[in-house]
Amino acid sequence: MWEDGWIQVKVPLPFSLRWVNSYVLPEQDGYTVIDPGLHTEEAVAAWDEVMSRFGFGYGDIRQIVLTHQHPDHYGLAGYFQKRSGAPVYLTAQAHAYTQRMWGEGGTLAGELAALFREHGMPAELTHSIEQNLESFKPLVSPQPQVTYIQAGQTMAFGGLEWSLIDAPGHARGALVFYNAGRKIALCGDQVMPRITPNVSVVPGEDADPLASFMDSLAGLESLGVKLAFPGHRDPFDGFAKRTAELRQHHERRLAQMLEQLYEPHNGFELCELHFGERLRTNPHNLRFAMAETLAHLYYLEKRGVIARSESENDIVYRRV
């Protein structure tokens, strides 16, 4: 438990991150829940234990606030809403992603697989990625009825007033919640200690997500955050230092990729050069690696330092 009765709930995950942070903030007549986690039996059991230990139940939840739409943050929102009757708050852009990915008739998984094939990924690997994305549907069900919030607004919860700050790059429509009086931030996955957030190309969304992410980090650094509550790992200080480290990480990756592109490569070849062939057996992580490789290639291409050539088989990049 943190100051003012905040509860950090480490909701278990069935992959390498191990857990996602949810935060329970006390209100005068109940609680606000931030990012309840992925809908698994283990996660529900963990919540049951937390509620029993701290003496509250689903009926005490007054609102559910989501930093962004990725399943490890969004997945239990509908289940919590069904049990509590509480509203679920999310941006319209983030909600649109959930419907394109997991809604009835959603096409995003197929669009992503087609994009990866265009950039040289073998069809059997793109098929495994589609299957992996399909497997998340029960883990985000039931899906919630969403009330939209947006960057630029303010919102009150936990006895504090929060500014809603656009946080693109990792997830379109993501938000950082910032309280200027105490200089604290609920930052989701935008800035985390010891973990570099994935920055991915998503078909039909940001055409230059890495640039958006870098610009976002520069803006967040200027806030002077003293304590940050991230989506993974533990709350941390040194926020400005961490944002600088994240920018430097991507600058090094860009420089390395630019050196490699003295020789022509497609996106999948570069993905394996950076992340290794071992990911062929892990479609979940392969998707992140490939989409992030493309984010770096798009960044370099838009700045005119590399150029693409297209054939019937794939898209190849080379340094200009």
C-alpha atoms as a PDB file:
ATOM      1  CA  MET A   1       0.000   0.000   0.000  1.00  0.00           C
ATOM      2  CA  TRP A   2       1.224   3.474  -0.894  1.00  0.00           C
ATOM      3  CA  GLU A   3       0.624   6.904   0.611  1.00  0.00           C
ATOM      4  CA  ASP A   4      -3.028   7.980   0.908  1.00  0.00           C
ATOM      5  CA  GLY A   5      -4.193   4.379   0.866  1.00  0.00           C
ATOM      6  CA  TRP A   6      -3.274   3.606  -2.754  1.00  0.00           C
ATOM      7  CA  ILE A   7      -3.036  -0.126  -3.392  1.00  0.00           C
ATOM      8  CA  GLN A   8      -0.628  -1.471  -6.036  1.00  0.00           C
ATOM      9  CA  VAL A   9      -2.025  -4.767  -7.331  1.00  0.00           C
ATOM     10  CA  LYS A  10       0.416  -6.955  -9.252  1.00  0.00           C
ATOM     11  CA  VAL A  11      -2.023  -8.768 -11.538  1.00  0.00           C
ATOM     12  CA  PRO A  12      -0.395 -11.954 -12.913  1.00  0.00           C
ATOM     13  CA  LEU A  13       0.271 -12.363 -16.642  1.00  0.00           C
ATOM     14  CA  PRO A  14       0.885 -15.597 -18.590  1.00  0.00           C
ATOM     15  CA  PHE A  15       3.934 -14.232 -20.419  1.00  0.00           C
ATOM     16  CA  SER A  16       7.394 -12.869 -19.724  1.00  0.00           C
ATOM     17  CA  LEU A  17       6.362  -9.567 -18.114  1.00  0.00           C
ATOM     18  CA  ARG A  18       4.958 -11.682 -15.230  1.00  0.00           C
ATOM     19  CA  TRP A  19       2.554  -9.035 -13.946  1.00  0.00           C
ATOM     20  CA  VAL A  20       0.830  -5.770 -14.815  1.00  0.00           C
ATOM     21  CA  ASN A  21       0.222  -3.060 -12.257  1.00  0.00           C
ATOM     22  CA  SER A  22      -3.273  -2.043 -11.366  1.00  0.00           C
ATOM     23  CA  TYR A  23      -3.760   0.773  -8.879  1.00  0.00           C
ATOM     24  CA  VAL A  24      -6.720   1.036  -6.523  1.00  0.00           C
ATOM     25  CA  LEU A  25      -7.334   4.596  -5.314  1.00  0.00           C
ATOM     26  CA  PRO A  26      -9.746   5.292  -2.442  1.00  0.00           C
ATOM     27  CA  GLU A  27     -12.698   7.629  -2.930  1.00  0.00           C
ATOM     28  CA  GLN A  28     -15.107   9.000  -0.326  1.00  0.00           C
ATOM     29  CA  ASP A  29     -17.606   6.238  -1.111  1.00  0.00           C
ATOM     30  CA  GLY A  30     -15.530   3.517  -2.766  1.00  0.00           C
ATOM     31  CA  TYR A  31     -12.592   3.057  -5.107  1.00  0.00           C
ATOM     32  CA  THR A  32     -11.243   3.917  -8.544  1.00  0.00           C
ATOM     33  CA  VAL A  33      -9.406   1.089 -10.341  1.00  0.00           C
ATOM     34  CA  ILE A  34      -6.682   1.876 -12.878  1.00  0.00           C
ATOM     35  CA  ASP A  35      -5.969  -0.827 -15.520  1.00  0.00           C
ATOM     36  CA  PRO A  36      -7.468  -3.999 -13.964  1.00  0.00           C
ATOM     37  CA  GLY A  37      -5.367  -6.459 -16.007  1.00  0.00           C
ATOM     38  CA  LEU A  38      -5.843  -9.440 -18.329  1.00  0.00           C
ATOM     39  CA  HIS A  39      -8.930 -11.645 -17.923  1.00  0.00           C
ATOM     40  CA  THR A  40      -7.501 -14.964 -16.741  1.00  0.00           C
ATOM     41  CA  GLU A  41      -8.522 -17.255 -13.890  1.00  0.00           C
ATOM     42  CA  GLU A  42      -5.256 -16.438 -12.133  1.00  0.00           C
ATOM     43  CA  ALA A  43      -5.925 -12.696 -12.390  1.00  0.00           C
ATOM     44  CA  VAL A  44      -9.461 -13.029 -11.025  1.00  0.00           C
ATOM     45  CA  ALA A  45      -8.144 -15.126  -8.142  1.00  0.00           C
ATOM     46  CA  ALA A  46      -5.496 -12.490  -7.407  1.00  0.00           C
ATOM     47  CA  TRP A  47      -8.171  -9.791  -7.311  1.00  0.00           C
ATOM     48  CA  ASP A  48     -10.344 -11.897  -5.017  1.00  0.00           C
ATOM     49  CA  GLU A  49      -7.424 -12.221  -2.608  1.00  0.00           C
ATOM     50  CA  VAL A  50      -6.683  -8.467  -2.706  1.00  0.00           C
ATOM     51  CA  MET A  51     -10.328  -7.546  -2.123  1.00  0.00           C
ATOM     52  CA  SER A  52     -10.557  -9.951   0.791  1.00  0.00           C
ATOM     53  CA  ARG A  53      -7.329  -8.650   2.330  1.00  0.00           C
ATOM     54  CA  PHE A  54      -8.247  -4.963   2.046  1.00  0.00           C
ATOM     55  CA  GLY A  55     -11.954  -5.333   2.778  1.00  0.00           C
ATOM     56  CA  PHE A  56     -13.698  -4.191  -0.397  1.00  0.00           C
ATOM     57  CA  GLY A  57     -15.640  -5.814  -3.210  1.00  0.00           C
ATOM     58  CA  TYR A  58     -16.758  -5.215  -6.784  1.00  0.00           C
ATOM     59  CA  GLY A  59     -19.747  -3.244  -5.480  1.00  0.00           C
ATOM     60  CA  ASP A  60     -17.347  -0.682  -4.003  1.00  0.00           C
ATOM     61  CA  ILE A  61     -15.747   0.139  -7.383  1.00  0.00           C
ATOM     62  CA  ARG A  62     -16.988   3.524  -8.611  1.00  0.00           C
ATOM     63  CA  GLN A  63     -15.020   3.844 -11.863  1.00  0.00           C
ATOM     64  CA  ILE A  64     -12.495   1.974 -13.985  1.00  0.00           C
ATOM     65  CA  VAL A  65      -9.900   4.141 -15.730  1.00  0.00           C
ATOM     66  CA  LEU A  66      -7.696   2.757 -18.528  1.00  0.00           C
ATOM     67  CA  THR A  67      -4.367   4.260 -19.538  1.00  0.00           C
ATOM     68  CA  HIS A  68      -4.530   2.396 -22.848  1.00  0.00           C
ATOM     69  CA  GLN A  69      -6.088  -0.505 -24.730  1.00  0.00           C
ATOM     70  CA  HIS A  70      -3.524  -3.303 -24.710  1.00  0.00           C
ATOM     71  CA  PRO A  71      -5.057  -6.529 -23.395  1.00  0.00           C
ATOM     72  CA  ASP A  72      -2.932  -6.787 -20.252  1.00  0.00           C
ATOM     73  CA  HIS A  73      -4.449  -3.459 -19.140  1.00  0.00           C
ATOM     74  CA  TYR A  74      -7.887  -3.595 -20.781  1.00  0.00           C
ATOM     75  CA  GLY A  75      -8.816  -7.268 -20.549  1.00  0.00           C
ATOM     76  CA  LEU A  76     -10.665  -7.304 -17.208  1.00  0.00           C
ATOM     77  CA  ALA A  77     -12.443  -3.971 -17.721  1.00  0.00           C
ATOM     78  CA  GLY A  78     -15.676  -5.533 -19.005  1.00  0.00           C
ATOM     79  CA  TYR A  79     -15.669  -8.203 -16.291  1.00  0.00           C
ATOM     80  CA  PHE A  80     -15.194  -5.537 -13.603  1.00  0.00           C
ATOM     81  CA  GLN A  81     -17.928  -3.408 -15.162  1.00  0.00           C
ATOM     82  CA  LYS A  82     -20.342  -6.337 -15.226  1.00  0.00           C
ATOM     83  CA  ARG A  83     -19.681  -7.098 -11.544  1.00  0.00           C
ATOM     84  CA  SER A  84     -19.671  -3.478 -10.319  1.00  0.00           C
ATOM     85  CA  GLY A  85     -21.839  -1.484 -12.716  1.00  0.00           C
ATOM     86  CA  ALA A  86     -19.047   1.122 -12.812  1.00  0.00           C
ATOM     87  CA  PRO A  87     -18.245   3.194 -15.915  1.00  0.00           C
ATOM     88  CA  VAL A  88     -15.101   2.400 -17.896  1.00  0.00           C
ATOM     89  CA  TYR A  89     -13.111   5.389 -19.161  1.00  0.00           C
ATOM     90  CA  LEU A  90     -10.884   5.171 -22.263  1.00  0.00           C
ATOM     91  CA  THR A  91     -10.072   7.387 -25.241  1.00  0.00           C
ATOM     92  CA  ALA A  92     -12.004   6.985 -28.491  1.00  0.00           C
ATOM     93  CA  GLN A  93      -8.798   6.204 -30.438  1.00  0.00           C
ATOM     94  CA  ALA A  94      -7.853   3.447 -28.005  1.00  0.00           C
ATOM     95  CA  HIS A  95     -11.364   1.997 -28.055  1.00  0.00           C
ATOM     96  CA  ALA A  96     -11.336   1.936 -31.863  1.00  0.00           C
ATOM     97  CA  TYR A  97      -8.243  -0.306 -31.721  1.00  0.00           C
ATOM     98  CA  THR A  98     -10.043  -2.801 -29.471  1.00  0.00           C
ATOM     99  CA  GLN A  99     -12.911  -3.071 -31.934  1.00  0.00           C
ATOM    100  CA  ARG A 100     -10.635  -3.437 -34.952  1.00  0.00           C
ATOM    101  CA  MET A 101      -8.674  -6.138 -33.138  1.00  0.00           C
ATOM    102  CA  TRP A 102     -11.277  -8.051 -31.083  1.00  0.00           C
ATOM    103  CA  GLY A 103     -14.671  -6.680 -32.087  1.00  0.00           C
ATOM    104  CA  GLU A 104     -17.146  -8.458 -34.321  1.00  0.00           C
ATOM    105  CA  GLY A 105     -15.766  -8.419 -37.851  1.00  0.00           C
ATOM    106  CA  GLY A 106     -12.455  -6.967 -36.681  1.00  0.00           C
ATOM    107  CA  THR A 107      -9.791  -7.015 -39.405  1.00  0.00           C
ATOM    108  CA  LEU A 108      -6.679  -5.679 -37.679  1.00  0.00           C
ATOM    109  CA  ALA A 109      -4.990  -9.046 -37.079  1.00  0.00           C
ATOM    110  CA  GLY A 110      -5.212  -9.865 -40.786  1.00  0.00           C
ATOM    111  CA  GLU A 111      -4.015  -6.392 -41.785  1.00  0.00           C
ATOM    112  CA  LEU A 112      -1.015  -6.723 -39.497  1.00  0.00           C
ATOM    113  CA  ALA A 113      -0.146 -10.158 -40.903  1.00  0.00           C
ATOM    114  CA  ALA A 114      -0.403  -8.809 -44.464  1.00  0.00           C
ATOM    115  CA  LEU A 115       1.893  -5.897 -43.583  1.00  0.00           C
ATOM    116  CA  PHE A 116       4.501  -8.258 -42.165  1.00  0.00           C
ATOM    117  CA  ARG A 117       4.361 -10.436 -45.299  1.00  0.00           C
ATOM    118  CA  GLU A 118       4.974  -7.332 -47.438  1.00  0.00           C
ATOM    119  CA  HIS A 119       8.152  -6.764 -45.436  1.00  0.00           C
ATOM    120  CA  GLY A 120       9.506 -10.281 -45.903  1.00  0.00           C
ATOM    121  CA  MET A 121       8.092 -12.348 -43.034  1.00  0.00           C
ATOM    122  CA  PRO A 122       7.307 -15.932 -44.117  1.00  0.00           C
ATOM    123  CA  ALA A 123       3.609 -16.755 -44.390  1.00  0.00           C
ATOM    124  CA  GLU A 124       3.731 -19.522 -41.775  1.00  0.00           C
ATOM    125  CA  LEU A 125       4.995 -17.017 -39.188  1.00  0.00           C
ATOM    126  CA  THR A 126       2.366 -14.412 -40.028  1.00  0.00           C
ATOM    127  CA  HIS A 127      -0.274 -17.133 -39.689  1.00  0.00           C
ATOM    128  CA  SER A 128       0.991 -17.984 -36.193  1.00  0.00           C
ATOM    129  CA  ILE A 129       0.810 -14.303 -35.264  1.00  0.00           C
ATOM    130  CA  GLU A 130      -2.824 -14.117 -36.434  1.00  0.00           C
ATOM    131  CA  GLN A 131      -3.640 -17.184 -34.346  1.00  0.00           C
ATOM    132  CA  ASN A 132      -1.927 -15.669 -31.321  1.00  0.00           C
ATOM    133  CA  LEU A 133      -3.932 -12.453 -31.669  1.00  0.00           C
ATOM    134  CA  GLU A 134      -7.134 -14.470 -32.021  1.00  0.00           C
ATOM    135  CA  SER A 135      -6.303 -16.273 -28.760  1.00  0.00           C
ATOM    136  CA  PHE A 136      -6.634 -12.996 -26.849  1.00  0.00           C
ATOM    137  CA  LYS A 137     -10.359 -12.621 -27.517  1.00  0.00           C
ATOM    138  CA  PRO A 138     -11.486 -14.569 -24.420  1.00  0.00           C
ATOM    139  CA  LEU A 139      -8.862 -12.691 -22.395  1.00  0.00           C
ATOM    140  CA  VAL A 140     -10.551  -9.340 -23.163  1.00  0.00           C
ATOM    141  CA  SER A 141     -14.136 -10.587 -22.847  1.00  0.00           C
ATOM    142  CA  PRO A 142     -16.677  -9.422 -22.021  1.00  0.00           C
ATOM    143  CA  GLN A 143     -15.729  -6.122 -23.588  1.00  0.00           C
ATOM    144  CA  PRO A 144     -16.881  -3.034 -21.694  1.00  0.00           C
ATOM    145  CA  GLN A 145     -19.239  -0.242 -22.589  1.00  0.00           C
ATOM    146  CA  VAL A 146     -16.811   2.684 -22.749  1.00  0.00           C
ATOM    147  CA  THR A 147     -17.217   6.325 -21.751  1.00  0.00           C
ATOM    148  CA  TYR A 148     -14.773   8.425 -23.762  1.00  0.00           C
ATOM    149  CA  ILE A 149     -12.154  10.719 -22.269  1.00  0.00           C
ATOM    150  CA  GLN A 150      -9.496  12.603 -24.190  1.00  0.00           C
ATOM    151  CA  ALA A 151      -6.145  14.335 -23.848  1.00  0.00           C
ATOM    152  CA  GLY A 152      -6.438  17.934 -22.703  1.00  0.00           C
ATOM    153  CA  GLN A 153      -9.222  17.206 -20.245  1.00  0.00           C
ATOM    154  CA  THR A 154      -8.944  17.034 -16.477  1.00  0.00           C
ATOM    155  CA  MET A 155     -10.405  14.260 -14.362  1.00  0.00           C
ATOM    156  CA  ALA A 156     -10.871  13.822 -10.615  1.00  0.00           C
ATOM    157  CA  PHE A 157     -10.195  10.558  -8.816  1.00  0.00           C
ATOM    158  CA  GLY A 158      -8.318   9.460  -5.712  1.00  0.00           C
ATOM    159  CA  GLY A 159      -8.948  12.873  -4.171  1.00  0.00           C
ATOM    160  CA  LEU A 160      -6.767  14.579  -6.791  1.00  0.00           C
ATOM    161  CA  GLU A 161      -7.213  16.506 -10.033  1.00  0.00           C
ATOM    162  CA  TRP A 162      -5.451  14.905 -12.991  1.00  0.00           C
ATOM    163  CA  SER A 163      -4.410  16.353 -16.349  1.00  0.00           C
ATOM    164  CA  LEU A 164      -4.866  13.901 -19.224  1.00  0.00           C
ATOM    165  CA  ILE A 165      -1.792  13.974 -21.459  1.00  0.00           C
ATOM    166  CA  ASP A 166      -1.601  12.376 -24.902  1.00  0.00           C
ATOM    167  CA  ALA A 167       0.994   9.582 -24.870  1.00  0.00           C
ATOM    168  CA  PRO A 168       1.399   8.209 -28.422  1.00  0.00           C
ATOM    169  CA  GLY A 169       3.929   5.740 -29.789  1.00  0.00           C
ATOM    170  CA  HIS A 170       3.358   2.700 -27.628  1.00  0.00           C
ATOM    171  CA  ALA A 171      -0.412   2.793 -28.130  1.00  0.00           C
ATOM    172  CA  ARG A 172      -2.491   5.260 -30.125  1.00  0.00           C
ATOM    173  CA  GLY A 173      -4.868   7.076 -27.782  1.00  0.00           C
ATOM    174  CA  ALA A 174      -2.893   6.232 -24.642  1.00  0.00           C
ATOM    175  CA  LEU A 175      -2.891   8.718 -21.766  1.00  0.00           C
ATOM    176  CA  VAL A 176      -0.595   9.735 -18.945  1.00  0.00           C
ATOM    177  CA  PHE A 177      -2.452  11.075 -15.899  1.00  0.00           C
ATOM    178  CA  TYR A 178      -0.514  13.893 -14.202  1.00  0.00           C
ATOM    179  CA  ASN A 179      -1.152  15.713 -10.955  1.00  0.00           C
ATOM    180  CA  ALA A 180       0.784  18.985 -10.962  1.00  0.00           C
ATOM    181  CA  GLY A 181       0.386  19.704  -7.239  1.00  0.00           C
ATOM    182  CA  ARG A 182       2.210  16.577  -6.141  1.00  0.00           C
ATOM    183  CA  LYS A 183       4.115  16.053  -9.408  1.00  0.00           C
ATOM    184  CA  ILE A 184       3.048  12.436  -9.703  1.00  0.00           C
ATOM    185  CA  ALA A 185       2.053  10.532 -12.834  1.00  0.00           C
ATOM    186  CA  LEU A 186       0.141   7.397 -13.681  1.00  0.00           C
ATOM    187  CA  CYS A 187       2.091   6.653 -16.821  1.00  0.00           C
ATOM    188  CA  GLY A 188       0.869   3.264 -18.058  1.00  0.00           C
ATOM    189  CA  ASP A 189       3.482   1.771 -20.375  1.00  0.00           C
ATOM    190  CA  GLN A 190       4.791   5.065 -21.753  1.00  0.00           C
ATOM    191  CA  VAL A 191       7.698   5.308 -19.295  1.00  0.00           C
ATOM    192  CA  MET A 192       8.798   2.325 -17.206  1.00  0.00           C
ATOM    193  CA  PRO A 193      11.908   1.474 -15.197  1.00  0.00           C
ATOM    194  CA  ARG A 194      14.216  -1.148 -16.743  1.00  0.00           C
ATOM    195  CA  ILE A 195      11.772  -1.885 -19.585  1.00  0.00           C
ATOM    196  CA  THR A 196      11.757  -0.235 -22.992  1.00  0.00           C
ATOM    197  CA  PRO A 197       8.146   0.178 -24.150  1.00  0.00           C
ATOM    198  CA  ASN A 198       7.374  -1.409 -27.477  1.00  0.00           C
ATOM    199  CA  VAL A 199       6.841   1.118 -30.285  1.00  0.00           C
ATOM    200  CA  SER A 200       4.930  -0.497 -33.137  1.00  0.00           C
ATOM    201  CA  VAL A 201       3.612   0.253 -36.573  1.00  0.00           C
ATOM    202  CA  VAL A 202      -0.131  -0.496 -36.618  1.00  0.00           C
ATOM    203  CA  PRO A 203      -1.909  -0.463 -40.009  1.00  0.00           C
ATOM    204  CA  GLY A 204      -4.251   2.501 -40.340  1.00  0.00           C
ATOM    205  CA  GLU A 205      -2.799   4.394 -37.381  1.00  0.00           C
ATOM    206  CA  ASP A 206       0.250   6.630 -36.840  1.00  0.00           C
ATOM    207  CA  ALA A 207       2.487   6.736 -39.920  1.00  0.00           C
ATOM    208  CA  ASP A 208       5.559   7.575 -37.804  1.00  0.00           C
ATOM    209  CA  PRO A 209       4.989   6.126 -34.315  1.00  0.00           C
ATOM    210  CA  LEU A 210       8.629   6.353 -33.220  1.00  0.00           C
ATOM    211  CA  ALA A 211       8.698  10.107 -33.878  1.00  0.00           C
ATOM    212  CA  SER A 212       5.466  10.459 -31.917  1.00  0.00           C
ATOM    213  CA  PHE A 213       6.958   8.475 -29.048  1.00  0.00           C
ATOM    214  CA  MET A 214      10.167  10.521 -28.960  1.00  0.00           C
ATOM    215  CA  ASP A 215       8.215  13.791 -29.015  1.00  0.00           C
ATOM    216  CA  SER A 216       6.001  12.492 -26.213  1.00  0.00           C
ATOM    217  CA  LEU A 217       9.025  11.649 -24.068  1.00  0.00           C
ATOM    218  CA  ALA A 218      10.431  15.149 -24.517  1.00  0.00           C
ATOM    219  CA  GLY A 219       7.139  16.667 -23.379  1.00  0.00           C
ATOM    220  CA  LEU A 220       6.833  14.354 -20.391  1.00  0.00           C
ATOM    221  CA  GLU A 221      10.401  15.050 -19.314  1.00  0.00           C
ATOM    222  CA  SER A 222       9.580  18.754 -18.949  1.00  0.00           C
ATOM    223  CA  LEU A 223       6.816  18.070 -16.389  1.00  0.00           C
ATOM    224  CA  GLY A 224       9.256  17.506 -13.534  1.00  0.00           C
ATOM    225  CA  VAL A 225       7.547  14.314 -12.342  1.00  0.00           C
ATOM    226  CA  LYS A 226       8.858  13.295  -8.911  1.00  0.00           C
ATOM    227  CA  LEU A 227       7.177   9.884  -8.631  1.00  0.00           C
ATOM    228  CA  ALA A 228       5.787   7.759 -11.459  1.00  0.00           C
ATOM    229  CA  PHE A 229       3.391   4.829 -11.222  1.00  0.00           C
ATOM    230  CA  PRO A 230       4.060   2.619 -14.275  1.00  0.00           C
ATOM    231  CA  GLY A 231       2.150  -0.259 -15.824  1.00  0.00           C
ATOM    232  CA  HIS A 232       5.006  -2.695 -15.178  1.00  0.00           C
ATOM    233  CA  ARG A 233       7.668  -2.934 -12.478  1.00  0.00           C
ATOM    234  CA  ASP A 234       7.420  -0.737  -9.395  1.00  0.00           C
ATOM    235  CA  PRO A 235       6.780   2.981  -8.899  1.00  0.00           C
ATOM    236  CA  PHE A 236       9.970   4.974  -9.381  1.00  0.00           C
ATOM    237  CA  ASP A 237      11.624   8.367  -9.159  1.00  0.00           C
ATOM    238  CA  GLY A 238      14.199   9.694 -11.638  1.00  0.00           C
ATOM    239  CA  PHE A 239      11.466  10.094 -14.253  1.00  0.00           C
ATOM    240  CA  ALA A 240      13.281  12.706 -16.377  1.00  0.00           C
ATOM    241  CA  LYS A 241      16.435  10.590 -16.415  1.00  0.00           C
ATOM    242  CA  ARG A 242      14.432   7.579 -17.555  1.00  0.00           C
ATOM    243  CA  THR A 243      12.772   9.462 -20.432  1.00  0.00           C
ATOM    244  CA  ALA A 244      16.223  10.534 -21.630  1.00  0.00           C
ATOM    245  CA  GLU A 245      17.469   6.943 -21.427  1.00  0.00           C
ATOM    246  CA  LEU A 246      14.559   5.753 -23.559  1.00  0.00           C
ATOM    247  CA  ARG A 247      15.276   8.334 -26.251  1.00  0.00           C
ATOM    248  CA  GLN A 248      18.944   7.363 -26.253  1.00  0.00           C
ATOM    249  CA  HIS A 249      18.030   3.689 -26.611  1.00  0.00           C
ATOM    250  CA  HIS A 250      16.120   4.392 -29.811  1.00  0.00           C
ATOM    251  CA  GLU A 251      18.797   6.707 -31.147  1.00  0.00           C
ATOM    252  CA  ARG A 252      21.330   3.873 -30.770  1.00  0.00           C
ATOM    253  CA  ARG A 253      18.964   1.430 -32.470  1.00  0.00           C
ATOM    254  CA  LEU A 254      18.458   3.840 -35.376  1.00  0.00           C
ATOM    255  CA  ALA A 255      22.201   4.345 -35.806  1.00  0.00           C
ATOM    256  CA  GLN A 256      22.798   0.592 -35.778  1.00  0.00           C
ATOM    257  CA  MET A 257      20.070   0.004 -38.335  1.00  0.00           C
ATOM    258  CA  LEU A 258      21.409   2.737 -40.580  1.00  0.00           C
ATOM    259  CA  GLU A 259      24.838   1.046 -40.598  1.00  0.00           C
ATOM    260  CA  GLN A 260      23.263  -2.292 -41.504  1.00  0.00           C
ATOM    261  CA  LEU A 261      21.423  -0.725 -44.428  1.00  0.00           C
ATOM    262  CA  TYR A 262      24.577  -0.095 -46.423  1.00  0.00           C
ATOM    263  CA  GLU A 263      23.467  -3.494 -47.709  1.00  0.00           C
ATOM    264  CA  PRO A 264      19.820  -4.015 -48.746  1.00  0.00           C
ATOM    265  CA  HIS A 265      17.540  -5.758 -46.263  1.00  0.00           C
ATOM    266  CA  ASN A 266      13.850  -6.291 -45.877  1.00  0.00           C
ATOM    267  CA  GLY A 267      12.131  -5.629 -42.576  1.00  0.00           C
ATOM    268  CA  PHE A 268      12.058  -9.254 -41.464  1.00  0.00           C
ATOM    269  CA  GLU A 269      15.795  -9.689 -42.065  1.00  0.00           C
ATOM    270  CA  LEU A 270      16.483  -6.614 -39.924  1.00  0.00           C
ATOM    271  CA  CYS A 271      14.098  -7.871 -37.266  1.00  0.00           C
ATOM    272  CA  GLU A 272      16.079 -11.098 -36.955  1.00  0.00           C
ATOM    273  CA  LEU A 273      19.389  -9.221 -36.981  1.00  0.00           C
ATOM    274  CA  HIS A 274      18.239  -7.191 -33.966  1.00  0.00           C
ATOM    275  CA  PHE A 275      16.072  -9.634 -32.036  1.00  0.00           C
ATOM    276  CA  GLY A 276      17.313 -13.064 -33.124  1.00  0.00           C
ATOM    277  CA  GLU A 277      15.834 -16.081 -34.888  1.00  0.00           C
ATOM    278  CA  ARG A 278      14.658 -17.579 -31.573  1.00  0.00           C
ATOM    279  CA  LEU A 279      11.496 -15.457 -31.771  1.00  0.00           C
ATOM    280  CA  ARG A 280      10.202 -17.619 -34.623  1.00  0.00           C
ATOM    281  CA  THR A 281       8.808 -19.935 -31.951  1.00  0.00           C
ATOM    282  CA  ASN A 282       7.222 -17.088 -29.952  1.00  0.00           C
ATOM    283  CA  PRO A 283       4.571 -15.335 -32.085  1.00  0.00           C
ATOM    284  CA  HIS A 284       3.633 -12.959 -29.265  1.00  0.00           C
ATOM    285  CA  ASN A 285       7.120 -11.487 -28.995  1.00  0.00           C
ATOM    286  CA  LEU A 286       7.811 -11.822 -32.732  1.00  0.00           C
ATOM    287  CA  ARG A 287       4.874  -9.504 -33.446  1.00  0.00           C
ATOM    288  CA  PHE A 288       6.291  -6.858 -31.125  1.00  0.00           C
ATOM    289  CA  ALA A 289       9.785  -7.203 -32.582  1.00  0.00           C
ATOM    290  CA  MET A 290       8.639  -6.970 -36.205  1.00  0.00           C
ATOM    291  CA  ALA A 291       6.311  -4.028 -35.618  1.00  0.00           C
ATOM    292  CA  GLU A 292       9.035  -2.160 -33.749  1.00  0.00           C
ATOM    293  CA  THR A 293      11.567  -2.858 -36.514  1.00  0.00           C
ATOM    294  CA  LEU A 294       9.147  -1.305 -38.988  1.00  0.00           C
ATOM    295  CA  ALA A 295       8.674   1.715 -36.715  1.00  0.00           C
ATOM    296  CA  HIS A 296      12.422   2.379 -36.922  1.00  0.00           C
ATOM    297  CA  LEU A 297      12.482   1.841 -40.679  1.00  0.00           C
ATOM    298  CA  TYR A 298       9.553   4.221 -41.210  1.00  0.00           C
ATOM    299  CA  TYR A 299      11.324   6.819 -39.060  1.00  0.00           C
ATOM    300  CA  LEU A 300      14.525   6.605 -41.124  1.00  0.00           C
ATOM    301  CA  GLU A 301      12.635   6.582 -44.426  1.00  0.00           C
ATOM    302  CA  LYS A 302      10.629   9.690 -43.564  1.00  0.00           C
ATOM    303  CA  ARG A 303      13.863  11.538 -42.846  1.00  0.00           C
ATOM    304  CA  GLY A 304      15.259  10.619 -46.247  1.00  0.00           C
ATOM    305  CA  VAL A 305      18.279   8.640 -45.064  1.00  0.00           C
ATOM    306  CA  ILE A 306      17.024   5.297 -46.373  1.00  0.00           C
ATOM    307  CA  ALA A 307      14.848   4.415 -49.351  1.00  0.00           C
ATOM    308  CA  ARG A 308      12.627   1.465 -50.154  1.00  0.00           C
ATOM    309  CA  SER A 309      12.335  -0.556 -53.318  1.00  0.00           C
ATOM    310  CA  GLU A 310       9.326  -2.789 -53.872  1.00  0.00           C
ATOM    311  CA  SER A 311       9.094  -6.067 -55.740  1.00  0.00           C
ATOM    312  CA  GLU A 312       6.411  -8.722 -56.087  1.00  0.00           C
ATOM    313  CA  ASN A 313       7.858 -10.544 -53.081  1.00  0.00           C
ATOM    314  CA  ASP A 314       8.766  -7.919 -50.495  1.00  0.00           C
ATOM    315  CA  ILE A 315       9.911  -4.390 -49.668  1.00  0.00           C
ATOM    316  CA  VAL A 316      13.660  -3.841 -49.373  1.00  0.00           C
ATOM    317  CA  TYR A 317      15.412  -0.880 -47.732  1.00  0.00           C
ATOM    318  CA  ARG A 318      18.861   0.542 -48.354  1.00  0.00           C
ATOM    319  CA  ARG A 319      20.785   3.556 -47.108  1.00  0.00           C
ATOM    320  CA  VAL A 320      20.671   6.534 -49.446  1.00  0.00           C
END
